[in-house]
Amino acid sequence: MNFKLKPFRTGILSGALSLFYCMSSLSLSAQYISKGGNDASAPLHLLKPGYDIPYGETKPEGVKNTLDRIYRYLNTTTPAALVDKSTNKVIDLGQANDNSIFQPGDFRLISYEWGVTYTGMLEVALATGDQKYKDYTIKRLDFIGAVAEQYKKYLRQHKNATTPVRSVLEPHALDDVGSMAAAMIKALDAGAKPALLRPLVDHYLNYILHKEFRLKDGTLARNRPLPNTLWLDDLYMSLPALAQMGKLTGNKSYFDEALKQYKQFAERMFNAEKGLYMHGWVQDMDPHPQFHWARANGWALMTKVELLDVLPADYSSRAEVLEKLRRHAVGLAERQDKTGFWHQLLDRNDSYLETSATAIYAYCIARAINKGWLDAKAYGPMVLLAWNAVNTKVTEQGQIEGTCVGTGMGFDPAFYYYRPISNFAAHGYGPVLLAGAEIYRLLQQHPFEINDSAVQMVK
């Protein structure tokens, strides 16, 4: 992976570091001597370090226990029902009107974040065989499809009515469509009702292909915060849906459009020297500041995984996507923190450690290992460390700590450094479910052992 170590400056810094290492060695020796050992009588290299996170202790049953806590929390706090907003009483679907809302919970049932959560639930079911996770997704997506169908009828008589499915029936951004469409297509494969979901999928894909703003060369773009802006996030808000639609229909034009979009984003936004993507790109901005926001890099990495999952092995441009995934993995590996997390700004180690991005990287790189795209011996220890870090942020209640809230685009460091974190940031739940599912598979396919105190992948 060509990890690079830069030479230290000489002088005071060098002396300070020497003193630090000397004191650290003395401290370790003192720990061992206090237990009755010394260098002549026992192997000091087997001393137990004071890790910030559990090290070398990842087990499938522990992963599943964590996932079950998340499931219990989400299943309780994301009800699938309509209520009258004046009385908060549950109503039948046939009673839906402009005074109806989804029963309030901790999270919205329709959002790009929850599209990732629905996909995560399906992956946990596939990985572990526990069908309650699949049922979670199918129950809610079928419910959304039924509500949307009901309001299509209602709006014919009440054209300006307020509905709880506005973003479904009248999407206004890629955030509204791509992640939900991809989840719905996967749910169809898992047994969701085609009559309810397929019309919504077609509607979402029509928005991506024909209604979203584009640059002159056809690249999907936005006119915020500035005109002609590319958001790295939009790779995930569009391309997985296109890729899944290509798989669903057998129409390769969806693959071609996805690959074209990926190439045009990457040409503008991938920093080959760092192996990282910039968060935003604005046409005619010169010079262009680069902020390598962690979660946006996660969306880009996950998009590559989604493409590689469905593209035929010999498909045109697939090799380019695979090569970019490998270069991105190297860039990320070089910047993993000692705790297993990654920083909010990937190349700025004084920015805070962030959970959702760490979970996305754990998922994507573990999946790439399991699919044979990345070397298990090189990357396996890294993703196990990442999962162990994420696992420390899942509370007994099943909430996920340390996730950055929704984030627009900025061109100064303070914007990213000071973004709040919240247990109710929906962005964390899908990635942690996905990570847990893939780590569960990894532990079965690529067992590890402790050799000279270090995690080593056996195969």
Protein backbone atom coordinates (compact mmCIF):
# COMPACT_ATOMS: atom_id res chain seq x y z
CA MET A 1 0.00 0.00 0.00
CA ASN A 2 3.05 2.22 0.01
CA PHE A 3 2.38 3.88 3.35
CA LYS A 4 4.68 6.90 3.58
CA LEU A 5 6.56 8.11 6.64
CA LYS A 6 7.96 11.62 6.45
CA PRO A 7 11.33 12.26 8.12
CA PHE A 8 11.20 14.16 11.40
CA ARG A 9 12.88 17.52 11.69
CA THR A 10 16.06 17.51 13.72
CA GLY A 11 16.64 19.58 16.84
CA ILE A 12 14.19 20.16 19.63
CA LEU A 13 11.42 18.04 18.11
CA SER A 14 13.77 15.11 17.62
CA GLY A 15 15.00 15.38 21.20
CA ALA A 16 11.45 15.58 22.52
CA LEU A 17 10.45 12.50 20.58
CA SER A 18 13.47 10.60 21.83
CA LEU A 19 12.56 11.49 25.38
CA PHE A 20 8.95 10.44 24.76
CA TYR A 21 9.93 7.03 23.41
CA CYS A 22 12.40 6.55 26.27
CA MET A 23 9.74 7.37 28.85
CA SER A 24 7.24 5.08 27.06
CA SER A 25 9.72 2.21 27.13
CA LEU A 26 10.43 2.80 30.81
CA SER A 27 6.71 2.88 31.50
CA LEU A 28 6.15 -0.46 29.74
CA SER A 29 9.11 -1.98 31.52
CA ALA A 30 7.82 -0.71 34.84
CA GLN A 31 4.43 -2.32 34.11
CA TYR A 32 6.08 -5.66 33.50
CA ILE A 33 8.57 -5.46 36.34
CA SER A 34 5.70 -4.65 38.71
CA LYS A 35 4.24 -8.03 37.75
CA GLY A 36 7.43 -9.84 38.60
CA GLY A 37 8.94 -10.02 35.10
CA ASN A 38 11.97 -8.57 33.38
CA ASP A 39 13.67 -8.84 30.01
CA ALA A 40 15.66 -11.89 31.04
CA SER A 41 12.76 -13.87 32.48
CA ALA A 42 9.80 -13.18 30.18
CA PRO A 43 8.95 -11.88 26.66
CA LEU A 44 8.32 -8.14 27.02
CA HIS A 45 6.97 -7.95 23.47
CA LEU A 46 3.84 -9.72 24.74
CA LEU A 47 2.98 -6.95 27.18
CA LYS A 48 -0.67 -5.95 26.87
CA PRO A 49 -0.81 -2.38 25.48
CA GLY A 50 -3.34 0.12 26.75
CA TYR A 51 -5.44 0.28 23.56
CA ASP A 52 -8.09 2.99 23.26
CA ILE A 53 -10.45 0.46 21.67
CA PRO A 54 -10.74 -3.36 21.88
CA TYR A 55 -8.01 -4.97 19.79
CA GLY A 56 -8.04 -8.48 18.32
CA GLU A 57 -11.36 -9.36 19.93
CA THR A 58 -13.80 -9.29 16.99
CA LYS A 59 -16.22 -12.23 17.00
CA PRO A 60 -19.32 -12.95 14.87
CA GLU A 61 -21.57 -13.29 17.91
CA GLY A 62 -20.41 -9.91 19.19
CA VAL A 63 -21.15 -8.31 15.83
CA LYS A 64 -24.63 -9.83 15.79
CA ASN A 65 -25.34 -8.67 19.33
CA THR A 66 -24.52 -5.11 18.31
CA LEU A 67 -26.73 -5.32 15.23
CA ASP A 68 -29.59 -6.70 17.31
CA ARG A 69 -29.40 -3.72 19.68
CA ILE A 70 -29.64 -1.35 16.73
CA TYR A 71 -32.54 -3.31 15.27
CA ARG A 72 -34.53 -3.27 18.53
CA TYR A 73 -34.08 0.47 18.84
CA LEU A 74 -35.02 1.25 15.24
CA ASN A 75 -37.93 -1.18 15.09
CA THR A 76 -39.41 0.53 18.13
CA THR A 77 -38.75 4.13 17.12
CA THR A 78 -39.68 4.06 13.41
CA PRO A 79 -43.35 3.01 13.35
CA ALA A 80 -45.05 2.43 9.99
CA ALA A 81 -48.46 4.02 10.45
CA LEU A 82 -50.50 7.08 9.59
CA VAL A 83 -51.95 9.31 12.31
CA ASP A 84 -54.23 12.29 12.44
CA LYS A 85 -51.87 15.14 13.28
CA SER A 86 -54.46 16.86 15.46
CA THR A 87 -55.19 13.86 17.67
CA ASN A 88 -52.10 11.70 17.03
CA LYS A 89 -54.43 8.71 16.69
CA VAL A 90 -53.58 5.97 14.19
CA ILE A 91 -55.89 5.95 11.16
CA ASP A 92 -56.59 3.48 8.39
CA LEU A 93 -55.07 4.11 4.99
CA GLY A 94 -58.47 4.80 3.48
CA GLN A 95 -58.89 7.73 5.89
CA ALA A 96 -55.76 9.51 4.64
CA ASN A 97 -56.22 13.22 3.95
CA ASP A 98 -54.27 16.46 4.18
CA ASN A 99 -54.37 16.24 7.97
CA SER A 100 -52.56 12.91 8.00
CA ILE A 101 -48.89 12.41 8.81
CA PHE A 102 -46.59 9.50 9.45
CA GLN A 103 -46.69 8.45 13.09
CA PRO A 104 -43.82 10.38 14.68
CA GLY A 105 -40.69 8.47 15.63
CA ASP A 106 -37.02 9.24 16.04
CA PHE A 107 -36.33 9.20 12.28
CA ARG A 108 -38.08 9.85 8.98
CA LEU A 109 -39.19 6.83 6.97
CA ILE A 110 -38.41 8.57 3.68
CA SER A 111 -34.95 10.07 3.26
CA TYR A 112 -31.69 9.21 1.58
CA GLU A 113 -30.29 8.27 4.99
CA TRP A 114 -33.11 5.81 5.55
CA GLY A 115 -32.65 4.40 2.07
CA VAL A 116 -29.20 3.35 3.30
CA THR A 117 -30.79 1.92 6.46
CA TYR A 118 -33.27 -0.15 4.45
CA THR A 119 -30.38 -1.52 2.38
CA GLY A 120 -28.40 -2.19 5.56
CA MET A 121 -31.27 -4.19 7.05
CA LEU A 122 -31.47 -6.33 3.90
CA GLU A 123 -27.72 -6.98 4.00
CA VAL A 124 -27.83 -8.05 7.65
CA ALA A 125 -30.59 -10.52 6.79
CA LEU A 126 -28.53 -11.93 3.91
CA ALA A 127 -25.35 -12.16 5.98
CA THR A 128 -26.81 -13.64 9.17
CA GLY A 129 -29.98 -15.38 7.99
CA ASP A 130 -32.05 -13.42 10.52
CA GLN A 131 -35.23 -12.56 8.62
CA LYS A 132 -36.51 -9.89 11.00
CA TYR A 133 -34.10 -7.45 9.35
CA LYS A 134 -35.55 -8.13 5.91
CA ASP A 135 -39.06 -7.84 7.33
CA TYR A 136 -38.20 -4.40 8.73
CA THR A 137 -37.40 -3.08 5.27
CA ILE A 138 -40.18 -4.78 3.34
CA LYS A 139 -42.84 -3.75 5.85
CA ARG A 140 -41.89 -0.08 5.67
CA LEU A 141 -41.25 0.16 1.94
CA ASP A 142 -44.52 -1.62 1.12
CA PHE A 143 -46.23 0.78 3.53
CA ILE A 144 -44.68 3.80 1.78
CA GLY A 145 -45.79 2.39 -1.58
CA ALA A 146 -49.35 1.93 -0.33
CA VAL A 147 -49.47 5.46 1.13
CA ALA A 148 -48.14 6.91 -2.12
CA GLU A 149 -50.75 5.06 -4.14
CA GLN A 150 -53.50 6.31 -1.84
CA TYR A 151 -52.34 9.91 -2.13
CA LYS A 152 -52.11 9.72 -5.91
CA LYS A 153 -55.88 9.13 -5.83
CA TYR A 154 -56.47 11.74 -3.16
CA LEU A 155 -54.59 14.43 -5.06
CA ARG A 156 -56.79 14.01 -8.11
CA GLN A 157 -59.59 15.53 -6.04
CA HIS A 158 -57.48 17.74 -3.76
CA LYS A 159 -54.70 19.07 -5.97
CA ASN A 160 -52.97 21.33 -3.45
CA ALA A 161 -53.25 19.03 -0.45
CA THR A 162 -50.31 18.50 1.88
CA THR A 163 -49.11 14.90 1.92
CA PRO A 164 -46.56 12.92 3.93
CA VAL A 165 -45.15 11.52 0.66
CA ARG A 166 -44.32 14.78 -1.10
CA SER A 167 -40.70 13.77 -1.75
CA VAL A 168 -41.94 10.54 -3.34
CA LEU A 169 -44.59 12.01 -5.61
CA GLU A 170 -42.84 15.31 -6.34
CA PRO A 171 -39.08 14.88 -5.87
CA HIS A 172 -37.00 18.05 -5.97
CA ALA A 173 -33.45 16.74 -5.63
CA LEU A 174 -31.30 13.66 -6.00
CA ASP A 175 -31.49 13.34 -2.21
CA ASP A 176 -35.17 12.50 -2.66
CA VAL A 177 -34.73 9.70 -5.16
CA GLY A 178 -31.47 7.80 -5.58
CA SER A 179 -30.94 6.08 -2.25
CA MET A 180 -34.62 5.22 -1.85
CA ALA A 181 -34.82 3.87 -5.41
CA ALA A 182 -31.80 1.61 -4.91
CA ALA A 183 -33.27 0.29 -1.65
CA MET A 184 -36.64 -0.35 -3.28
CA ILE A 185 -35.09 -2.32 -6.15
CA LYS A 186 -33.17 -4.46 -3.66
CA ALA A 187 -36.36 -4.91 -1.63
CA LEU A 188 -38.18 -6.12 -4.74
CA ASP A 189 -35.56 -8.83 -5.07
CA ALA A 190 -36.15 -9.71 -1.39
CA GLY A 191 -39.91 -10.08 -1.77
CA ALA A 192 -41.48 -6.61 -1.56
CA LYS A 193 -44.67 -6.01 -3.58
CA PRO A 194 -43.94 -5.00 -7.20
CA ALA A 195 -47.36 -3.40 -7.64
CA LEU A 196 -46.53 -0.93 -4.87
CA LEU A 197 -42.84 -0.26 -5.43
CA ARG A 198 -42.13 -0.61 -9.14
CA PRO A 199 -44.15 2.53 -10.10
CA LEU A 200 -42.15 4.52 -7.52
CA VAL A 201 -38.85 3.13 -8.83
CA ASP A 202 -39.74 4.15 -12.38
CA HIS A 203 -40.78 7.59 -11.13
CA TYR A 204 -37.49 8.04 -9.24
CA LEU A 205 -35.38 6.94 -12.21
CA ASN A 206 -37.24 9.31 -14.49
CA TYR A 207 -36.23 12.15 -12.18
CA ILE A 208 -32.55 11.16 -12.23
CA LEU A 209 -32.42 10.75 -15.99
CA HIS A 210 -34.59 13.63 -17.14
CA LYS A 211 -35.25 16.22 -14.46
CA GLU A 212 -32.14 16.79 -12.33
CA PHE A 213 -30.03 19.81 -13.31
CA ARG A 214 -26.90 19.01 -15.34
CA LEU A 215 -23.79 20.73 -16.58
CA LYS A 216 -23.38 21.21 -20.33
CA ASP A 217 -21.54 17.88 -20.61
CA GLY A 218 -24.43 16.08 -18.89
CA THR A 219 -22.90 15.75 -15.43
CA LEU A 220 -25.50 15.71 -12.65
CA ALA A 221 -25.14 18.94 -10.71
CA ARG A 222 -26.82 21.48 -8.44
CA ASN A 223 -27.15 25.24 -8.37
CA ARG A 224 -26.40 25.48 -4.68
CA PRO A 225 -24.57 26.74 -2.76
CA LEU A 226 -23.21 28.28 -5.99
CA PRO A 227 -24.21 27.84 -9.64
CA ASN A 228 -22.93 24.74 -11.46
CA THR A 229 -21.78 22.83 -8.38
CA LEU A 230 -20.92 19.14 -8.11
CA TRP A 231 -21.52 17.44 -4.77
CA LEU A 232 -19.54 14.26 -4.18
CA ASP A 233 -22.52 13.01 -2.17
CA ASP A 234 -24.53 12.91 -5.40
CA LEU A 235 -22.59 9.93 -6.66
CA TYR A 236 -24.46 7.85 -4.09
CA MET A 237 -27.70 9.79 -4.59
CA SER A 238 -27.91 8.65 -8.21
CA LEU A 239 -25.49 5.99 -9.45
CA PRO A 240 -26.50 3.00 -7.26
CA ALA A 241 -30.09 3.50 -8.43
CA LEU A 242 -28.94 3.52 -12.06
CA ALA A 243 -26.80 0.43 -11.50
CA GLN A 244 -29.60 -1.46 -9.75
CA MET A 245 -32.03 -0.48 -12.50
CA GLY A 246 -29.64 -1.90 -15.08
CA LYS A 247 -29.55 -5.16 -13.14
CA LEU A 248 -33.34 -5.21 -12.70
CA THR A 249 -34.22 -4.53 -16.33
CA GLY A 250 -31.22 -5.91 -18.19
CA ASN A 251 -31.00 -2.56 -20.00
CA LYS A 252 -27.31 -1.72 -20.22
CA SER A 253 -27.98 1.94 -20.95
CA TYR A 254 -28.39 2.40 -17.18
CA PHE A 255 -24.90 0.99 -16.65
CA ASP A 256 -23.50 3.27 -19.35
CA GLU A 257 -25.06 6.36 -17.79
CA ALA A 258 -23.76 5.42 -14.34
CA LEU A 259 -20.23 4.88 -15.66
CA LYS A 260 -20.31 8.14 -17.60
CA GLN A 261 -21.38 10.04 -14.49
CA TYR A 262 -18.73 8.37 -12.33
CA LYS A 263 -15.97 9.20 -14.80
CA GLN A 264 -17.00 12.85 -15.11
CA PHE A 265 -17.22 13.29 -11.33
CA ALA A 266 -13.88 11.56 -10.74
CA GLU A 267 -12.06 13.62 -13.38
CA ARG A 268 -12.98 16.77 -11.49
CA MET A 269 -12.95 15.60 -7.88
CA PHE A 270 -10.46 12.76 -7.32
CA ASN A 271 -7.07 13.90 -6.04
CA ALA A 272 -4.77 11.19 -7.38
CA GLU A 273 -1.82 12.30 -5.25
CA LYS A 274 -3.77 11.92 -2.00
CA GLY A 275 -6.07 9.11 -3.07
CA LEU A 276 -9.01 11.17 -1.79
CA TYR A 277 -11.96 13.08 -3.22
CA MET A 278 -12.79 16.71 -2.62
CA HIS A 279 -16.27 17.32 -1.24
CA GLY A 280 -17.43 19.95 -3.70
CA TRP A 281 -16.45 21.30 -7.09
CA VAL A 282 -17.69 24.59 -8.51
CA GLN A 283 -17.39 25.45 -12.16
CA ASP A 284 -15.18 28.51 -12.78
CA MET A 285 -13.81 28.57 -9.21
CA ASP A 286 -10.07 29.18 -9.46
CA PRO A 287 -8.07 28.34 -7.44
CA HIS A 288 -10.26 25.61 -6.02
CA PRO A 289 -9.99 24.80 -2.29
CA GLN A 290 -10.13 21.09 -1.50
CA PHE A 291 -11.79 19.79 1.63
CA HIS A 292 -11.70 16.03 1.92
CA TRP A 293 -14.80 15.49 4.02
CA ALA A 294 -14.95 11.97 5.41
CA ARG A 295 -18.60 11.03 4.82
CA ALA A 296 -18.64 12.33 1.25
CA ASN A 297 -15.59 10.16 0.58
CA GLY A 298 -17.65 7.34 2.03
CA TRP A 299 -20.48 7.96 -0.42
CA ALA A 300 -17.96 7.88 -3.26
CA LEU A 301 -16.41 4.64 -2.02
CA MET A 302 -19.82 3.02 -1.55
CA THR A 303 -20.83 4.07 -5.05
CA LYS A 304 -17.84 2.23 -6.50
CA VAL A 305 -18.78 -0.87 -4.52
CA GLU A 306 -22.37 -0.64 -5.80
CA LEU A 307 -21.16 -0.40 -9.39
CA LEU A 308 -18.72 -3.28 -9.07
CA ASP A 309 -21.40 -5.43 -7.44
CA VAL A 310 -23.62 -5.39 -10.53
CA LEU A 311 -21.40 -4.69 -13.55
CA PRO A 312 -20.42 -7.79 -15.55
CA ALA A 313 -16.75 -8.65 -15.11
CA ASP A 314 -15.89 -7.78 -18.70
CA TYR A 315 -18.00 -4.64 -18.91
CA SER A 316 -16.42 -1.56 -20.46
CA SER A 317 -14.93 0.83 -17.85
CA ARG A 318 -15.42 -1.59 -14.96
CA ALA A 319 -11.65 -1.93 -14.66
CA GLU A 320 -11.36 1.85 -14.25
CA VAL A 321 -13.82 1.80 -11.34
CA LEU A 322 -11.92 -1.06 -9.70
CA GLU A 323 -8.62 0.78 -10.07
CA LYS A 324 -10.10 3.90 -8.48
CA LEU A 325 -11.44 1.81 -5.60
CA ARG A 326 -7.97 0.44 -4.96
CA ARG A 327 -6.33 3.86 -5.09
CA HIS A 328 -9.01 5.26 -2.80
CA ALA A 329 -8.46 2.39 -0.35
CA VAL A 330 -4.74 3.21 -0.20
CA GLY A 331 -5.48 6.87 0.47
CA LEU A 332 -7.84 5.96 3.29
CA ALA A 333 -5.54 3.35 4.81
CA GLU A 334 -2.78 5.93 5.13
CA ARG A 335 -5.05 8.16 7.19
CA GLN A 336 -6.73 5.81 9.64
CA ASP A 337 -6.36 7.01 13.21
CA LYS A 338 -4.75 4.82 15.89
CA THR A 339 -8.21 4.38 17.42
CA GLY A 340 -9.54 2.80 14.22
CA PHE A 341 -11.65 5.84 13.31
CA TRP A 342 -11.13 8.35 10.54
CA HIS A 343 -11.23 12.10 11.02
CA GLN A 344 -14.01 14.44 9.90
CA LEU A 345 -11.55 15.99 7.46
CA LEU A 346 -9.46 13.05 6.36
CA ASP A 347 -6.13 14.85 6.02
CA ARG A 348 -6.52 17.06 9.11
CA ASN A 349 -5.84 15.05 12.23
CA ASP A 350 -6.99 17.77 14.59
CA SER A 351 -10.55 17.43 13.26
CA TYR A 352 -12.78 15.12 15.26
CA LEU A 353 -13.15 11.36 14.82
CA GLU A 354 -16.39 10.55 12.99
CA THR A 355 -18.51 7.40 13.21
CA SER A 356 -20.60 7.25 10.03
CA ALA A 357 -17.65 7.61 7.66
CA THR A 358 -15.66 5.02 9.61
CA ALA A 359 -18.58 2.61 9.32
CA ILE A 360 -18.87 3.21 5.56
CA TYR A 361 -15.17 2.51 5.06
CA ALA A 362 -15.41 -0.63 7.19
CA TYR A 363 -18.33 -1.84 5.09
CA CYS A 364 -16.87 -1.02 1.69
CA ILE A 365 -13.37 -2.32 2.29
CA ALA A 366 -14.63 -5.48 4.00
CA ARG A 367 -16.96 -6.08 1.05
CA ALA A 368 -14.11 -5.50 -1.39
CA ILE A 369 -12.07 -8.11 0.51
CA ASN A 370 -14.94 -10.58 0.52
CA LYS A 371 -15.45 -10.06 -3.22
CA GLY A 372 -11.75 -10.51 -3.97
CA TRP A 373 -11.13 -6.93 -5.09
CA LEU A 374 -8.74 -6.11 -2.23
CA ASP A 375 -6.16 -8.25 -0.44
CA ALA A 376 -7.41 -9.64 2.87
CA LYS A 377 -3.97 -9.77 4.48
CA ALA A 378 -3.31 -6.11 3.67
CA TYR A 379 -6.70 -4.64 4.53
CA GLY A 380 -8.36 -7.13 6.89
CA PRO A 381 -6.72 -5.87 10.10
CA MET A 382 -7.61 -2.31 9.15
CA VAL A 383 -11.33 -3.01 8.78
CA LEU A 384 -11.50 -5.11 11.93
CA LEU A 385 -9.95 -2.20 13.80
CA ALA A 386 -12.49 0.14 12.19
CA TRP A 387 -15.42 -2.08 13.19
CA ASN A 388 -14.15 -2.35 16.76
CA ALA A 389 -14.00 1.45 16.86
CA VAL A 390 -17.53 1.83 15.51
CA ASN A 391 -18.76 -0.80 17.96
CA THR A 392 -17.71 1.39 20.89
CA LYS A 393 -20.17 4.02 19.64
CA VAL A 394 -23.25 1.79 19.75
CA THR A 395 -25.01 2.33 23.07
CA GLU A 396 -26.81 -0.34 25.07
CA GLN A 397 -30.04 1.26 23.86
CA GLY A 398 -28.93 0.79 20.24
CA GLN A 399 -28.27 4.42 19.41
CA ILE A 400 -25.15 5.40 17.48
CA GLU A 401 -22.90 8.12 18.83
CA GLY A 402 -20.38 10.36 17.10
CA THR A 403 -22.14 10.92 13.78
CA CYS A 404 -21.89 14.27 12.04
CA VAL A 405 -25.29 15.79 11.30
CA GLY A 406 -26.42 16.65 7.77
CA THR A 407 -23.79 18.79 6.11
CA GLY A 408 -23.88 21.13 3.15
CA MET A 409 -20.79 22.39 1.41
CA GLY A 410 -18.20 24.85 2.70
CA PHE A 411 -14.97 26.40 1.50
CA ASP A 412 -13.32 27.07 4.84
CA PRO A 413 -12.11 24.62 7.50
CA ALA A 414 -14.25 25.92 10.36
CA PHE A 415 -17.41 24.80 8.59
CA TYR A 416 -16.35 21.14 8.75
CA TYR A 417 -14.51 21.23 12.08
CA TYR A 418 -17.51 22.53 13.97
CA ARG A 419 -20.35 20.51 12.45
CA PRO A 420 -22.38 19.10 15.36
CA ILE A 421 -22.73 15.40 16.13
CA SER A 422 -25.91 13.70 17.33
CA ASN A 423 -27.29 10.29 18.22
CA PHE A 424 -30.24 11.28 16.03
CA ALA A 425 -28.12 11.92 12.95
CA ALA A 426 -29.78 9.36 10.68
CA HIS A 427 -26.64 9.07 8.55
CA GLY A 428 -25.00 6.68 11.03
CA TYR A 429 -27.50 3.83 11.20
CA GLY A 430 -27.42 2.43 7.67
CA PRO A 431 -23.62 2.46 7.47
CA VAL A 432 -23.24 0.66 10.81
CA LEU A 433 -25.75 -2.01 9.74
CA LEU A 434 -23.89 -2.46 6.46
CA ALA A 435 -20.54 -2.60 8.21
CA GLY A 436 -21.77 -5.17 10.70
CA ALA A 437 -23.19 -7.37 7.94
CA GLU A 438 -19.96 -7.35 5.95
CA ILE A 439 -17.68 -7.81 8.96
CA TYR A 440 -19.84 -10.80 9.93
CA ARG A 441 -19.13 -12.27 6.49
CA LEU A 442 -15.44 -11.34 6.70
CA LEU A 443 -14.97 -13.22 9.94
CA GLN A 444 -16.39 -16.35 8.31
CA GLN A 445 -14.47 -16.09 5.04
CA HIS A 446 -11.18 -14.66 6.34
CA PRO A 447 -10.46 -15.74 9.91
CA PHE A 448 -7.72 -13.94 11.81
CA GLU A 449 -5.24 -14.88 14.49
CA ILE A 450 -3.03 -12.98 16.91
CA ASN A 451 0.63 -13.41 16.02
CA ASP A 452 3.25 -11.54 18.06
CA SER A 453 0.33 -9.58 19.57
CA ALA A 454 -0.85 -8.30 16.18
CA VAL A 455 -3.98 -9.14 14.16
CA GLN A 456 -3.03 -11.19 11.11
CA MET A 457 -5.46 -12.54 8.52
CA VAL A 458 -5.01 -16.28 8.11
CA LYS A 459 -6.32 -16.34 4.52
